[in-house]
Amino acid sequence: MTQSSIASLAFKGLLTFWLSLVVFFPVAAGAQQASPSLPLLFDSRERLAKPDLSSLVRLRFLTSVDFPPFNFTDQNGKLSGFNVDLARDICNELEIADKCEIQALPFADLAEALAASQGDAVIAGLAVTPDLRGKFTFSRPYLMLPARFARNGKAEIKGDTAAALAGKPVGVVKSTVHEAMLAAYFPAIKAVPFDNKEALLTALKDGKVDAAFADALQLSFWVSSQASAKCCSLFDGPYPSEQFLGEGMTIMLRRNDAILTAALDHALAALSRSGRLQEIYLRYFPNGLY
């Protein structure tokens, strides 16, 4: 069982990094500035039926505490994150908030706990794999995790699209899906491989490469952080790809829970249409992924 590729940074480092961004870049209530947009994954005209959950005794969401900013324990010891808030809003949308529970377990134990009926749904950034598809069912995606370019501000790049990077040195972490995606999507770019994300970002900051291609989440936080020293900015994109980056963020359920799966899809679609999903997104990704 694997977690989405954005969990490649050490947990403590990523949590500290993300919390520092909340301090430096707070999202003010009622702010008038333009907000980063969240692509709609549900057709606004689509109406998914709301199943009858009157016989439901309780809905137990399972998550973990090692995937910030999606699910983690905050500085006060409280279970927090995008997925945690989303689970609570799903329960409110389904009008079953009094029946909902959210429990954190070690990430490696989530699938086994769900199979053993120790919970009803896993919302923890699980990567959907063929093996899991054979054992469980999944909600429709509620968030895609694209790839992005980040460019050094001093690099001579004439243009504002990826075409301007043709022949330019662009860093990427070797032996990753992003390296394969860069080669497939942008063969004219001169890929420069690095051993890890830290080496890649250092090279970008120092101007040893003109741009970098990597996970949009990590790049969006990094370019806005003190670590980047305002050297760089996001460039072009976003670039989603189910082939290379997977199906996106989903909720995993037992295969025989068709009614609950339909209920979660209904709630996710309703939250998307109402803008509530966008509100949660902005709370945790104030600089945007897209």
C-alpha atoms as a PDB file:
ATOM      1  CA  MET A   1       0.000   0.000   0.000  1.00  0.00           C
ATOM      2  CA  THR A   2       1.431   3.365  -1.011  1.00  0.00           C
ATOM      3  CA  GLN A   3       0.671   6.986  -0.323  1.00  0.00           C
ATOM      4  CA  SER A   4       0.532   9.721  -2.911  1.00  0.00           C
ATOM      5  CA  SER A   5       3.916  10.825  -4.227  1.00  0.00           C
ATOM      6  CA  ILE A   6       3.752  14.183  -2.444  1.00  0.00           C
ATOM      7  CA  ALA A   7       4.590  12.432   0.811  1.00  0.00           C
ATOM      8  CA  SER A   8       8.193  12.037  -0.307  1.00  0.00           C
ATOM      9  CA  LEU A   9       9.502  14.626   2.156  1.00  0.00           C
ATOM     10  CA  ALA A  10      10.190  13.549   5.731  1.00  0.00           C
ATOM     11  CA  PHE A  11       7.050  14.006   7.838  1.00  0.00           C
ATOM     12  CA  LYS A  12       8.511  16.270  10.514  1.00  0.00           C
ATOM     13  CA  GLY A  13      10.182  18.470   7.939  1.00  0.00           C
ATOM     14  CA  LEU A  14       7.064  18.773   5.821  1.00  0.00           C
ATOM     15  CA  LEU A  15       4.828  19.481   8.816  1.00  0.00           C
ATOM     16  CA  THR A  16       7.165  22.201  10.118  1.00  0.00           C
ATOM     17  CA  PHE A  17       7.454  23.578   6.594  1.00  0.00           C
ATOM     18  CA  TRP A  18       3.701  23.720   6.073  1.00  0.00           C
ATOM     19  CA  LEU A  19       2.961  25.216   9.511  1.00  0.00           C
ATOM     20  CA  SER A  20       5.521  27.947   8.841  1.00  0.00           C
ATOM     21  CA  LEU A  21       3.693  28.831   5.655  1.00  0.00           C
ATOM     22  CA  VAL A  22       0.438  29.186   7.549  1.00  0.00           C
ATOM     23  CA  VAL A  23       2.178  31.744   9.755  1.00  0.00           C
ATOM     24  CA  PHE A  24       3.773  33.686   6.906  1.00  0.00           C
ATOM     25  CA  PHE A  25       0.873  33.417   4.442  1.00  0.00           C
ATOM     26  CA  PRO A  26      -2.419  33.308   6.409  1.00  0.00           C
ATOM     27  CA  VAL A  27      -5.728  33.141   4.592  1.00  0.00           C
ATOM     28  CA  ALA A  28      -7.776  36.004   5.967  1.00  0.00           C
ATOM     29  CA  ALA A  29     -11.494  35.542   6.244  1.00  0.00           C
ATOM     30  CA  GLY A  30     -13.306  37.638   3.683  1.00  0.00           C
ATOM     31  CA  ALA A  31     -10.098  38.583   1.888  1.00  0.00           C
ATOM     32  CA  GLN A  32     -10.734  40.536  -1.298  1.00  0.00           C
ATOM     33  CA  GLN A  33      -7.719  39.316  -3.251  1.00  0.00           C
ATOM     34  CA  ALA A  34      -8.218  36.836  -6.055  1.00  0.00           C
ATOM     35  CA  SER A  35      -8.204  33.278  -4.789  1.00  0.00           C
ATOM     36  CA  PRO A  36      -6.488  30.339  -6.470  1.00  0.00           C
ATOM     37  CA  SER A  37      -9.106  28.285  -8.262  1.00  0.00           C
ATOM     38  CA  LEU A  38      -9.844  24.613  -7.713  1.00  0.00           C
ATOM     39  CA  PRO A  39     -10.758  22.744 -10.902  1.00  0.00           C
ATOM     40  CA  LEU A  40     -14.197  21.182 -10.669  1.00  0.00           C
ATOM     41  CA  LEU A  41     -14.067  17.393 -10.890  1.00  0.00           C
ATOM     42  CA  PHE A  42     -17.849  17.107 -10.920  1.00  0.00           C
ATOM     43  CA  ASP A  43     -20.112  18.349 -13.702  1.00  0.00           C
ATOM     44  CA  SER A  44     -22.112  21.254 -12.265  1.00  0.00           C
ATOM     45  CA  ARG A  45     -25.183  19.927 -14.078  1.00  0.00           C
ATOM     46  CA  GLU A  46     -24.822  16.442 -12.647  1.00  0.00           C
ATOM     47  CA  ARG A  47     -27.091  15.526  -9.769  1.00  0.00           C
ATOM     48  CA  LEU A  48     -26.083  12.398  -7.884  1.00  0.00           C
ATOM     49  CA  ALA A  49     -28.885  10.841  -5.887  1.00  0.00           C
ATOM     50  CA  LYS A  50     -28.645  11.020  -2.114  1.00  0.00           C
ATOM     51  CA  PRO A  51     -29.136   7.503  -0.705  1.00  0.00           C
ATOM     52  CA  ASP A  52     -31.226   6.913   2.387  1.00  0.00           C
ATOM     53  CA  LEU A  53     -28.852   6.616   5.350  1.00  0.00           C
ATOM     54  CA  SER A  54     -31.508   6.507   8.046  1.00  0.00           C
ATOM     55  CA  SER A  55     -30.493   2.976   9.026  1.00  0.00           C
ATOM     56  CA  LEU A  56     -26.813   3.916   9.327  1.00  0.00           C
ATOM     57  CA  VAL A  57     -25.612   3.441  12.898  1.00  0.00           C
ATOM     58  CA  ARG A  58     -22.361   5.339  12.456  1.00  0.00           C
ATOM     59  CA  LEU A  59     -19.791   6.351   9.837  1.00  0.00           C
ATOM     60  CA  ARG A  60     -16.187   5.804  10.888  1.00  0.00           C
ATOM     61  CA  PHE A  61     -13.545   7.550   8.802  1.00  0.00           C
ATOM     62  CA  LEU A  62     -10.001   6.236   9.132  1.00  0.00           C
ATOM     63  CA  THR A  63      -6.972   8.421   8.446  1.00  0.00           C
ATOM     64  CA  SER A  64      -3.341   8.768   9.497  1.00  0.00           C
ATOM     65  CA  VAL A  65      -1.225  11.515  11.058  1.00  0.00           C
ATOM     66  CA  ASP A  66       1.745  11.489   8.686  1.00  0.00           C
ATOM     67  CA  PHE A  67       0.551  13.250   5.529  1.00  0.00           C
ATOM     68  CA  PRO A  68       0.451  17.032   6.077  1.00  0.00           C
ATOM     69  CA  PRO A  69      -1.311  19.161   5.064  1.00  0.00           C
ATOM     70  CA  PHE A  70      -3.898  16.471   4.289  1.00  0.00           C
ATOM     71  CA  ASN A  71      -3.978  14.669   7.630  1.00  0.00           C
ATOM     72  CA  PHE A  72      -1.731  15.296  10.616  1.00  0.00           C
ATOM     73  CA  THR A  73      -1.695  16.141  14.326  1.00  0.00           C
ATOM     74  CA  ASP A  74      -1.346  19.871  14.840  1.00  0.00           C
ATOM     75  CA  GLN A  75       0.730  21.701  17.456  1.00  0.00           C
ATOM     76  CA  ASN A  76      -2.083  21.266  19.984  1.00  0.00           C
ATOM     77  CA  GLY A  77      -2.341  17.524  19.432  1.00  0.00           C
ATOM     78  CA  LYS A  78      -5.567  17.839  17.443  1.00  0.00           C
ATOM     79  CA  LEU A  79      -6.268  15.755  14.349  1.00  0.00           C
ATOM     80  CA  SER A  80      -6.286  18.243  11.490  1.00  0.00           C
ATOM     81  CA  GLY A  81      -5.860  18.650   7.760  1.00  0.00           C
ATOM     82  CA  PHE A  82      -7.635  18.943   4.449  1.00  0.00           C
ATOM     83  CA  ASN A  83      -8.922  15.358   4.557  1.00  0.00           C
ATOM     84  CA  VAL A  84     -10.082  15.693   8.158  1.00  0.00           C
ATOM     85  CA  ASP A  85     -12.066  18.864   7.448  1.00  0.00           C
ATOM     86  CA  LEU A  86     -13.466  17.304   4.289  1.00  0.00           C
ATOM     87  CA  ALA A  87     -14.667  14.238   6.202  1.00  0.00           C
ATOM     88  CA  ARG A  88     -16.481  16.481   8.676  1.00  0.00           C
ATOM     89  CA  ASP A  89     -18.110  18.470   5.890  1.00  0.00           C
ATOM     90  CA  ILE A  90     -19.197  15.261   4.162  1.00  0.00           C
ATOM     91  CA  CYS A  91     -20.951  14.243   7.365  1.00  0.00           C
ATOM     92  CA  ASN A  92     -22.632  17.650   7.611  1.00  0.00           C
ATOM     93  CA  GLU A  93     -23.737  17.465   3.984  1.00  0.00           C
ATOM     94  CA  LEU A  94     -25.240  14.015   4.560  1.00  0.00           C
ATOM     95  CA  GLU A  95     -26.877  15.258   7.785  1.00  0.00           C
ATOM     96  CA  ILE A  96     -25.240  12.550   9.875  1.00  0.00           C
ATOM     97  CA  ALA A  97     -22.698  14.619  11.830  1.00  0.00           C
ATOM     98  CA  ASP A  98     -23.847  13.032  15.100  1.00  0.00           C
ATOM     99  CA  LYS A  99     -23.033   9.586  13.692  1.00  0.00           C
ATOM    100  CA  CYS A 100     -19.563  10.416  12.364  1.00  0.00           C
ATOM    101  CA  GLU A 101     -16.206   9.512  13.860  1.00  0.00           C
ATOM    102  CA  ILE A 102     -12.672  10.155  12.598  1.00  0.00           C
ATOM    103  CA  GLN A 103      -9.913   7.895  13.882  1.00  0.00           C
ATOM    104  CA  ALA A 104      -6.186   7.989  13.143  1.00  0.00           C
ATOM    105  CA  LEU A 105      -4.191   4.781  12.668  1.00  0.00           C
ATOM    106  CA  PRO A 106      -0.698   4.017  11.373  1.00  0.00           C
ATOM    107  CA  PHE A 107      -0.784   4.381   7.604  1.00  0.00           C
ATOM    108  CA  ALA A 108       0.317   0.781   7.017  1.00  0.00           C
ATOM    109  CA  ASP A 109      -2.661  -0.512   9.029  1.00  0.00           C
ATOM    110  CA  LEU A 110      -5.430   1.365   7.213  1.00  0.00           C
ATOM    111  CA  ALA A 111      -6.341  -1.190   4.544  1.00  0.00           C
ATOM    112  CA  GLU A 112      -6.336  -4.078   6.998  1.00  0.00           C
ATOM    113  CA  ALA A 113      -8.469  -2.116   9.461  1.00  0.00           C
ATOM    114  CA  LEU A 114     -11.003  -1.278   6.753  1.00  0.00           C
ATOM    115  CA  ALA A 115     -11.170  -4.902   5.584  1.00  0.00           C
ATOM    116  CA  ALA A 116     -11.749  -5.981   9.204  1.00  0.00           C
ATOM    117  CA  SER A 117     -14.644  -3.475   9.547  1.00  0.00           C
ATOM    118  CA  GLN A 118     -12.771  -1.423  12.120  1.00  0.00           C
ATOM    119  CA  GLY A 119     -13.786   1.593  10.046  1.00  0.00           C
ATOM    120  CA  ASP A 120     -16.052   2.356   7.110  1.00  0.00           C
ATOM    121  CA  ALA A 121     -13.993   4.642   4.875  1.00  0.00           C
ATOM    122  CA  VAL A 122     -10.304   5.566   4.524  1.00  0.00           C
ATOM    123  CA  ILE A 123      -9.501   9.192   3.720  1.00  0.00           C
ATOM    124  CA  ALA A 124      -5.723   9.431   3.947  1.00  0.00           C
ATOM    125  CA  GLY A 125      -4.143  10.084   0.565  1.00  0.00           C
ATOM    126  CA  LEU A 126      -3.956   6.458  -0.519  1.00  0.00           C
ATOM    127  CA  ALA A 127      -2.665   5.931  -4.032  1.00  0.00           C
ATOM    128  CA  VAL A 128      -5.177   3.865  -5.983  1.00  0.00           C
ATOM    129  CA  THR A 129      -3.403   0.732  -7.228  1.00  0.00           C
ATOM    130  CA  PRO A 130      -4.638  -2.298  -9.193  1.00  0.00           C
ATOM    131  CA  ASP A 131      -4.145  -4.427  -6.067  1.00  0.00           C
ATOM    132  CA  LEU A 132      -6.339  -2.139  -3.959  1.00  0.00           C
ATOM    133  CA  ARG A 133      -8.890  -1.919  -6.788  1.00  0.00           C
ATOM    134  CA  GLY A 134      -9.248  -5.677  -6.541  1.00  0.00           C
ATOM    135  CA  LYS A 135     -10.012  -5.540  -2.816  1.00  0.00           C
ATOM    136  CA  PHE A 136     -11.846  -2.262  -2.255  1.00  0.00           C
ATOM    137  CA  THR A 137     -13.965   0.332  -4.003  1.00  0.00           C
ATOM    138  CA  PHE A 138     -13.278   4.056  -4.249  1.00  0.00           C
ATOM    139  CA  SER A 139     -15.229   7.282  -4.349  1.00  0.00           C
ATOM    140  CA  ARG A 140     -14.860   9.611  -7.264  1.00  0.00           C
ATOM    141  CA  PRO A 141     -11.748  11.833  -7.071  1.00  0.00           C
ATOM    142  CA  TYR A 142     -12.090  15.107  -5.175  1.00  0.00           C
ATOM    143  CA  LEU A 143      -8.619  16.578  -5.761  1.00  0.00           C
ATOM    144  CA  MET A 144      -6.026  16.060  -8.467  1.00  0.00           C
ATOM    145  CA  LEU A 145      -2.333  16.492  -7.708  1.00  0.00           C
ATOM    146  CA  PRO A 146      -0.684  17.891 -10.846  1.00  0.00           C
ATOM    147  CA  ALA A 147       2.922  18.493 -11.805  1.00  0.00           C
ATOM    148  CA  ARG A 148       4.264  22.016 -12.309  1.00  0.00           C
ATOM    149  CA  PHE A 149       7.344  23.865 -13.468  1.00  0.00           C
ATOM    150  CA  ALA A 150       9.089  26.386 -11.231  1.00  0.00           C
ATOM    151  CA  ARG A 151      11.518  28.809 -12.874  1.00  0.00           C
ATOM    152  CA  ASN A 152      14.424  30.824 -11.582  1.00  0.00           C
ATOM    153  CA  GLY A 153      13.565  34.514 -11.917  1.00  0.00           C
ATOM    154  CA  LYS A 154      16.998  35.344 -13.352  1.00  0.00           C
ATOM    155  CA  ALA A 155      16.867  32.737 -16.111  1.00  0.00           C
ATOM    156  CA  GLU A 156      16.480  34.004 -19.670  1.00  0.00           C
ATOM    157  CA  ILE A 157      13.208  32.387 -20.656  1.00  0.00           C
ATOM    158  CA  LYS A 158      11.433  34.096 -23.537  1.00  0.00           C
ATOM    159  CA  GLY A 159       7.796  33.191 -23.223  1.00  0.00           C
ATOM    160  CA  ASP A 160       5.333  32.095 -20.603  1.00  0.00           C
ATOM    161  CA  THR A 161       4.621  28.524 -21.661  1.00  0.00           C
ATOM    162  CA  ALA A 162       6.603  25.298 -21.518  1.00  0.00           C
ATOM    163  CA  ALA A 163       7.518  25.766 -25.189  1.00  0.00           C
ATOM    164  CA  ALA A 164       9.926  28.492 -24.041  1.00  0.00           C
ATOM    165  CA  LEU A 165      11.886  25.868 -22.119  1.00  0.00           C
ATOM    166  CA  ALA A 166      12.891  23.933 -25.240  1.00  0.00           C
ATOM    167  CA  GLY A 167      16.629  23.302 -25.094  1.00  0.00           C
ATOM    168  CA  LYS A 168      16.838  24.797 -21.609  1.00  0.00           C
ATOM    169  CA  PRO A 169      18.244  22.875 -18.613  1.00  0.00           C
ATOM    170  CA  VAL A 170      15.320  21.775 -16.436  1.00  0.00           C
ATOM    171  CA  GLY A 171      15.949  19.844 -13.251  1.00  0.00           C
ATOM    172  CA  VAL A 172      13.977  16.789 -12.191  1.00  0.00           C
ATOM    173  CA  VAL A 173      14.450  14.094  -9.554  1.00  0.00           C
ATOM    174  CA  LYS A 174      15.720  10.993 -11.290  1.00  0.00           C
ATOM    175  CA  SER A 175      13.855   7.667 -11.326  1.00  0.00           C
ATOM    176  CA  THR A 176      10.545   9.361 -10.483  1.00  0.00           C
ATOM    177  CA  VAL A 177       7.209   9.641 -12.265  1.00  0.00           C
ATOM    178  CA  HIS A 178       8.027  13.292 -12.868  1.00  0.00           C
ATOM    179  CA  GLU A 179      11.182  12.372 -14.773  1.00  0.00           C
ATOM    180  CA  ALA A 180       9.178   9.979 -16.957  1.00  0.00           C
ATOM    181  CA  MET A 181       6.416  12.541 -17.424  1.00  0.00           C
ATOM    182  CA  LEU A 182       8.874  15.296 -18.378  1.00  0.00           C
ATOM    183  CA  ALA A 183      10.435  13.056 -21.031  1.00  0.00           C
ATOM    184  CA  ALA A 184       7.043  12.025 -22.424  1.00  0.00           C
ATOM    185  CA  TYR A 185       5.379  15.446 -22.446  1.00  0.00           C
ATOM    186  CA  PHE A 186       8.350  17.721 -23.186  1.00  0.00           C
ATOM    187  CA  PRO A 187      10.994  15.862 -25.232  1.00  0.00           C
ATOM    188  CA  ALA A 188      12.558  19.151 -26.427  1.00  0.00           C
ATOM    189  CA  ILE A 189      13.533  20.114 -22.878  1.00  0.00           C
ATOM    190  CA  LYS A 190      17.053  19.295 -21.662  1.00  0.00           C
ATOM    191  CA  ALA A 191      16.352  17.243 -18.526  1.00  0.00           C
ATOM    192  CA  VAL A 192      18.948  17.453 -15.747  1.00  0.00           C
ATOM    193  CA  PRO A 193      18.498  14.651 -13.183  1.00  0.00           C
ATOM    194  CA  PHE A 194      19.124  15.086  -9.444  1.00  0.00           C
ATOM    195  CA  ASP A 195      19.320  12.490  -6.696  1.00  0.00           C
ATOM    196  CA  ASN A 196      16.603  14.032  -4.530  1.00  0.00           C
ATOM    197  CA  LYS A 197      14.224  16.961  -4.155  1.00  0.00           C
ATOM    198  CA  GLU A 198      16.547  18.904  -1.874  1.00  0.00           C
ATOM    199  CA  ALA A 199      19.373  18.821  -4.447  1.00  0.00           C
ATOM    200  CA  LEU A 200      16.926  19.833  -7.178  1.00  0.00           C
ATOM    201  CA  LEU A 201      15.620  22.863  -5.297  1.00  0.00           C
ATOM    202  CA  THR A 202      19.114  23.971  -4.304  1.00  0.00           C
ATOM    203  CA  ALA A 203      20.210  23.849  -7.940  1.00  0.00           C
ATOM    204  CA  LEU A 204      17.157  25.826  -9.013  1.00  0.00           C
ATOM    205  CA  LYS A 205      17.760  28.456  -6.346  1.00  0.00           C
ATOM    206  CA  ASP A 206      21.445  28.744  -7.305  1.00  0.00           C
ATOM    207  CA  GLY A 207      20.602  29.089 -10.990  1.00  0.00           C
ATOM    208  CA  LYS A 208      22.322  25.866 -12.030  1.00  0.00           C
ATOM    209  CA  VAL A 209      19.119  24.965 -13.901  1.00  0.00           C
ATOM    210  CA  ASP A 210      16.637  27.394 -15.406  1.00  0.00           C
ATOM    211  CA  ALA A 211      13.601  25.555 -14.111  1.00  0.00           C
ATOM    212  CA  ALA A 212      12.480  22.451 -12.227  1.00  0.00           C
ATOM    213  CA  PHE A 213       9.654  19.999 -12.879  1.00  0.00           C
ATOM    214  CA  ALA A 214       8.096  18.337  -9.851  1.00  0.00           C
ATOM    215  CA  ASP A 215       5.026  17.934  -7.680  1.00  0.00           C
ATOM    216  CA  ALA A 216       2.865  21.065  -7.677  1.00  0.00           C
ATOM    217  CA  LEU A 217       2.176  20.900  -3.935  1.00  0.00           C
ATOM    218  CA  GLN A 218       5.798  20.923  -2.874  1.00  0.00           C
ATOM    219  CA  LEU A 219       6.769  23.524  -5.473  1.00  0.00           C
ATOM    220  CA  SER A 220       3.907  25.870  -4.556  1.00  0.00           C
ATOM    221  CA  PHE A 221       4.875  25.812  -0.882  1.00  0.00           C
ATOM    222  CA  TRP A 222       8.602  26.103  -1.594  1.00  0.00           C
ATOM    223  CA  VAL A 223       8.482  29.125  -3.927  1.00  0.00           C
ATOM    224  CA  SER A 224       6.440  30.995  -1.290  1.00  0.00           C
ATOM    225  CA  SER A 225       8.674  30.036   1.627  1.00  0.00           C
ATOM    226  CA  GLN A 226      11.726  31.677   3.138  1.00  0.00           C
ATOM    227  CA  ALA A 227      13.809  28.714   1.928  1.00  0.00           C
ATOM    228  CA  SER A 228      13.507  29.869  -1.680  1.00  0.00           C
ATOM    229  CA  ALA A 229      14.589  33.443  -0.850  1.00  0.00           C
ATOM    230  CA  LYS A 230      12.113  34.659  -3.507  1.00  0.00           C
ATOM    231  CA  CYS A 231      14.338  33.230  -6.224  1.00  0.00           C
ATOM    232  CA  CYS A 232      11.664  31.460  -8.155  1.00  0.00           C
ATOM    233  CA  SER A 233       8.042  31.241  -9.190  1.00  0.00           C
ATOM    234  CA  LEU A 234       5.639  28.702 -10.612  1.00  0.00           C
ATOM    235  CA  PHE A 235       5.673  28.590 -14.384  1.00  0.00           C
ATOM    236  CA  ASP A 236       3.004  27.368 -16.789  1.00  0.00           C
ATOM    237  CA  GLY A 237       0.786  24.366 -16.085  1.00  0.00           C
ATOM    238  CA  PRO A 238      -0.699  22.723 -14.175  1.00  0.00           C
ATOM    239  CA  TYR A 239      -0.132  19.331 -15.723  1.00  0.00           C
ATOM    240  CA  PRO A 240      -2.419  16.570 -14.437  1.00  0.00           C
ATOM    241  CA  SER A 241      -1.864  13.033 -15.690  1.00  0.00           C
ATOM    242  CA  GLU A 242      -3.704   9.922 -14.588  1.00  0.00           C
ATOM    243  CA  GLN A 243      -1.127   7.826 -16.451  1.00  0.00           C
ATOM    244  CA  PHE A 244       1.823   9.172 -14.483  1.00  0.00           C
ATOM    245  CA  LEU A 245       0.316  10.737 -11.337  1.00  0.00           C
ATOM    246  CA  GLY A 246      -2.636   8.479 -10.612  1.00  0.00           C
ATOM    247  CA  GLU A 247      -6.360   9.036 -10.224  1.00  0.00           C
ATOM    248  CA  GLY A 248      -6.127  11.756  -7.602  1.00  0.00           C
ATOM    249  CA  MET A 249      -7.411  11.911  -4.039  1.00  0.00           C
ATOM    250  CA  THR A 250     -10.265   9.496  -3.338  1.00  0.00           C
ATOM    251  CA  ILE A 251     -11.961   7.763  -0.401  1.00  0.00           C
ATOM    252  CA  MET A 252     -11.539   3.988  -0.071  1.00  0.00           C
ATOM    253  CA  LEU A 253     -14.422   1.784   1.051  1.00  0.00           C
ATOM    254  CA  ARG A 254     -15.281  -1.897   1.262  1.00  0.00           C
ATOM    255  CA  ARG A 255     -16.514  -3.373  -2.010  1.00  0.00           C
ATOM    256  CA  ASN A 256     -19.962  -4.263  -0.633  1.00  0.00           C
ATOM    257  CA  ASP A 257     -20.698  -0.720   0.598  1.00  0.00           C
ATOM    258  CA  ALA A 258     -22.402   0.515  -2.584  1.00  0.00           C
ATOM    259  CA  ILE A 259     -24.915   2.700  -0.714  1.00  0.00           C
ATOM    260  CA  LEU A 260     -22.238   4.427   1.354  1.00  0.00           C
ATOM    261  CA  THR A 261     -20.057   4.905  -1.732  1.00  0.00           C
ATOM    262  CA  ALA A 262     -22.973   6.547  -3.549  1.00  0.00           C
ATOM    263  CA  ALA A 263     -23.620   8.750  -0.502  1.00  0.00           C
ATOM    264  CA  LEU A 264     -20.016   9.950  -0.399  1.00  0.00           C
ATOM    265  CA  ASP A 265     -20.072  10.690  -4.140  1.00  0.00           C
ATOM    266  CA  HIS A 266     -23.276  12.680  -3.634  1.00  0.00           C
ATOM    267  CA  ALA A 267     -21.719  14.667  -0.772  1.00  0.00           C
ATOM    268  CA  LEU A 268     -18.494  15.366  -2.693  1.00  0.00           C
ATOM    269  CA  ALA A 269     -20.459  16.598  -5.719  1.00  0.00           C
ATOM    270  CA  ALA A 270     -22.634  18.818  -3.508  1.00  0.00           C
ATOM    271  CA  LEU A 271     -19.607  20.301  -1.731  1.00  0.00           C
ATOM    272  CA  SER A 272     -17.975  20.964  -5.092  1.00  0.00           C
ATOM    273  CA  ARG A 273     -21.048  22.757  -6.465  1.00  0.00           C
ATOM    274  CA  SER A 274     -21.594  24.822  -3.333  1.00  0.00           C
ATOM    275  CA  GLY A 275     -17.997  26.049  -3.191  1.00  0.00           C
ATOM    276  CA  ARG A 276     -17.396  24.465   0.178  1.00  0.00           C
ATOM    277  CA  LEU A 277     -14.711  22.177  -1.250  1.00  0.00           C
ATOM    278  CA  GLN A 278     -12.960  25.280  -2.604  1.00  0.00           C
ATOM    279  CA  GLU A 279     -13.075  26.858   0.863  1.00  0.00           C
ATOM    280  CA  ILE A 280     -11.349  23.856   2.432  1.00  0.00           C
ATOM    281  CA  TYR A 281      -8.796  23.841  -0.380  1.00  0.00           C
ATOM    282  CA  LEU A 282      -7.900  27.496   0.190  1.00  0.00           C
ATOM    283  CA  ARG A 283      -7.545  26.895   3.919  1.00  0.00           C
ATOM    284  CA  TYR A 284      -4.696  24.453   3.366  1.00  0.00           C
ATOM    285  CA  PHE A 285      -3.329  25.558  -0.023  1.00  0.00           C
ATOM    286  CA  PRO A 286      -3.458  29.366   0.071  1.00  0.00           C
ATOM    287  CA  ASN A 287      -0.957  29.644  -2.773  1.00  0.00           C
ATOM    288  CA  GLY A 288      -2.778  27.155  -4.983  1.00  0.00           C
ATOM    289  CA  LEU A 289      -1.679  24.044  -6.848  1.00  0.00           C
ATOM    290  CA  TYR A 290      -3.124  25.123 -10.181  1.00  0.00           C
END
